[in-house]
C-alpha atoms as a PDB file:
ATOM      1  CA  MET A   1       7.787  -3.184 -10.813  1.00  0.00           C
ATOM      2  CA  THR A   2       9.036  -0.739  -8.277  1.00  0.00           C
ATOM      3  CA  VAL A   3       6.287   1.471  -6.952  1.00  0.00           C
ATOM      4  CA  VAL A   4       6.807   4.824  -5.078  1.00  0.00           C
ATOM      5  CA  LEU A   5       4.379   5.269  -2.492  1.00  0.00           C
ATOM      6  CA  ASP A   6       3.751   9.150  -0.891  1.00  0.00           C
ATOM      7  CA  ALA A   7       2.957   8.212   3.020  1.00  0.00           C
ATOM      8  CA  ARG A   8       1.303  11.636   2.969  1.00  0.00           C
ATOM      9  CA  ARG A   9      -1.452  10.553   0.379  1.00  0.00           C
ATOM     10  CA  MET A  10      -2.583   6.961   2.310  1.00  0.00           C
ATOM     11  CA  GLY A  11      -4.796   8.895   4.858  1.00  0.00           C
ATOM     12  CA  ARG A  12      -8.324   8.318   5.801  1.00  0.00           C
ATOM     13  CA  ASP A  13      -9.496  10.398   2.635  1.00  0.00           C
ATOM     14  CA  GLY A  14      -8.946   8.910  -1.449  1.00  0.00           C
ATOM     15  CA  VAL A  15      -6.158   6.168  -0.015  1.00  0.00           C
ATOM     16  CA  TYR A  16      -7.629   3.563  -1.924  1.00  0.00           C
ATOM     17  CA  ALA A  17      -8.313   5.369  -4.968  1.00  0.00           C
ATOM     18  CA  TYR A  18      -4.646   6.124  -4.404  1.00  0.00           C
ATOM     19  CA  LEU A  19      -3.342   2.952  -3.944  1.00  0.00           C
ATOM     20  CA  LYS A  20      -5.649   1.495  -6.985  1.00  0.00           C
ATOM     21  CA  ASP A  21      -4.178   3.722  -9.414  1.00  0.00           C
ATOM     22  CA  MET A  22      -0.503   2.980  -8.248  1.00  0.00           C
ATOM     23  CA  LEU A  23      -0.571  -0.153  -7.649  1.00  0.00           C
ATOM     24  CA  GLU A  24      -2.825  -0.749 -11.029  1.00  0.00           C
ATOM     25  CA  LEU A  25      -5.293  -2.875  -8.545  1.00  0.00           C
ATOM     26  CA  PRO A  26      -8.160  -4.385 -10.258  1.00  0.00           C
ATOM     27  CA  ASP A  27     -11.690  -2.520 -10.657  1.00  0.00           C
ATOM     28  CA  TYR A  28     -13.521  -5.345  -7.717  1.00  0.00           C
ATOM     29  CA  CYS A  29     -10.601  -4.108  -5.599  1.00  0.00           C
ATOM     30  CA  GLY A  30     -12.969  -2.963  -2.899  1.00  0.00           C
ATOM     31  CA  SER A  31     -12.594   0.351  -0.874  1.00  0.00           C
ATOM     32  CA  ASN A  32     -11.626  -1.555   2.729  1.00  0.00           C
ATOM     33  CA  LEU A  33      -8.361  -3.102   4.207  1.00  0.00           C
ATOM     34  CA  ASP A  34      -9.413  -6.494   4.160  1.00  0.00           C
ATOM     35  CA  ALA A  35     -10.113  -5.916   0.148  1.00  0.00           C
ATOM     36  CA  LEU A  36      -6.876  -4.107   0.215  1.00  0.00           C
ATOM     37  CA  TYR A  37      -5.123  -7.302   1.548  1.00  0.00           C
ATOM     38  CA  ASP A  38      -6.677  -9.115  -0.701  1.00  0.00           C
ATOM     39  CA  CYS A  39      -5.106  -7.729  -3.596  1.00  0.00           C
ATOM     40  CA  LEU A  40      -2.100  -7.117  -2.338  1.00  0.00           C
ATOM     41  CA  THR A  41      -1.583 -10.518  -1.741  1.00  0.00           C
ATOM     42  CA  ALA A  42      -1.928 -11.856  -5.069  1.00  0.00           C
ATOM     43  CA  LEU A  43       0.067  -8.807  -6.778  1.00  0.00           C
ATOM     44  CA  PRO A  44       2.890 -10.432  -8.682  1.00  0.00           C
ATOM     45  CA  GLU A  45       6.556  -9.070  -8.278  1.00  0.00           C
ATOM     46  CA  THR A  46       6.243  -5.496  -7.101  1.00  0.00           C
ATOM     47  CA  GLU A  47       8.598  -3.729  -4.088  1.00  0.00           C
ATOM     48  CA  LEU A  48       6.586  -1.005  -2.948  1.00  0.00           C
ATOM     49  CA  LEU A  49       8.876   2.149  -1.796  1.00  0.00           C
ATOM     50  CA  LEU A  50       6.813   4.037   1.072  1.00  0.00           C
ATOM     51  CA  THR A  51       8.333   7.787   1.119  1.00  0.00           C
ATOM     52  CA  HIS A  52       7.531  10.914   3.363  1.00  0.00           C
ATOM     53  CA  VAL A  53       6.467   8.429   6.189  1.00  0.00           C
ATOM     54  CA  PRO A  54       7.363  10.669   9.001  1.00  0.00           C
ATOM     55  CA  GLU A  55       4.742  13.310   7.429  1.00  0.00           C
ATOM     56  CA  ALA A  56       2.522  10.138   6.781  1.00  0.00           C
ATOM     57  CA  ALA A  57      -1.535  11.621   6.535  1.00  0.00           C
ATOM     58  CA  ASP A  58      -4.115  10.555   9.653  1.00  0.00           C
ATOM     59  CA  GLY A  59      -4.546   7.032   9.118  1.00  0.00           C
ATOM     60  CA  PHE A  60      -2.023   5.864   7.792  1.00  0.00           C
ATOM     61  CA  GLU A  61      -0.378   3.661  10.269  1.00  0.00           C
ATOM     62  CA  ARG A  62      -3.604   1.321   9.817  1.00  0.00           C
ATOM     63  CA  VAL A  63      -2.512   1.156   6.012  1.00  0.00           C
ATOM     64  CA  CYS A  64       1.299   0.405   6.362  1.00  0.00           C
ATOM     65  CA  ARG A  65       0.091  -2.524   8.999  1.00  0.00           C
ATOM     66  CA  VAL A  66      -2.301  -3.894   6.044  1.00  0.00           C
ATOM     67  CA  LEU A  67       1.370  -3.333   3.791  1.00  0.00           C
ATOM     68  CA  CYS A  68       3.305  -4.754   5.978  1.00  0.00           C
ATOM     69  CA  ALA A  69       1.066  -7.832   6.564  1.00  0.00           C
ATOM     70  CA  ALA A  70       0.366  -8.565   3.030  1.00  0.00           C
ATOM     71  CA  GLY A  71       4.178  -8.262   2.228  1.00  0.00           C
ATOM     72  CA  ARG A  72       4.888 -11.354   4.886  1.00  0.00           C
ATOM     73  CA  GLU A  73       1.952 -13.289   3.358  1.00  0.00           C
ATOM     74  CA  ASN A  74       3.166 -12.417  -0.260  1.00  0.00           C
ATOM     75  CA  PRO A  75       6.574 -13.644  -1.059  1.00  0.00           C
ATOM     76  CA  ALA A  76       6.765 -11.841  -4.196  1.00  0.00           C
ATOM     77  CA  LEU A  77       5.882  -8.444  -2.898  1.00  0.00           C
ATOM     78  CA  LYS A  78       8.904  -6.289  -1.066  1.00  0.00           C
ATOM     79  CA  ILE A  79       8.274  -3.413   1.260  1.00  0.00           C
ATOM     80  CA  THR A  80      11.018  -0.744   1.647  1.00  0.00           C
ATOM     81  CA  ILE A  81      10.270   2.432   4.031  1.00  0.00           C
ATOM     82  CA  GLN A  82      12.365   5.254   3.332  1.00  0.00           C
ATOM     83  CA  GLU A  83      12.665   6.838   7.054  1.00  0.00           C
ATOM     84  CA  ALA A  84      13.866  10.079   5.986  1.00  0.00           C
END
């Protein structure tokens, strides 16, 4: 499955609800970076395409680090960053 994530929506406000919705994460996935990491490392075959990165919301860098770390840990999770 390929999921397109808009970096403009991945800042401090509402990022966890956005990711839970877009990635269909379980309800028990908490609203913090550690819980997000745990849920991402358990995902089945998934490709994440991050768009609008140059226009990313405040706080995106922290979320992006978690996404990339989870991608290194979970071989089924592929992260692609669209620069432009």
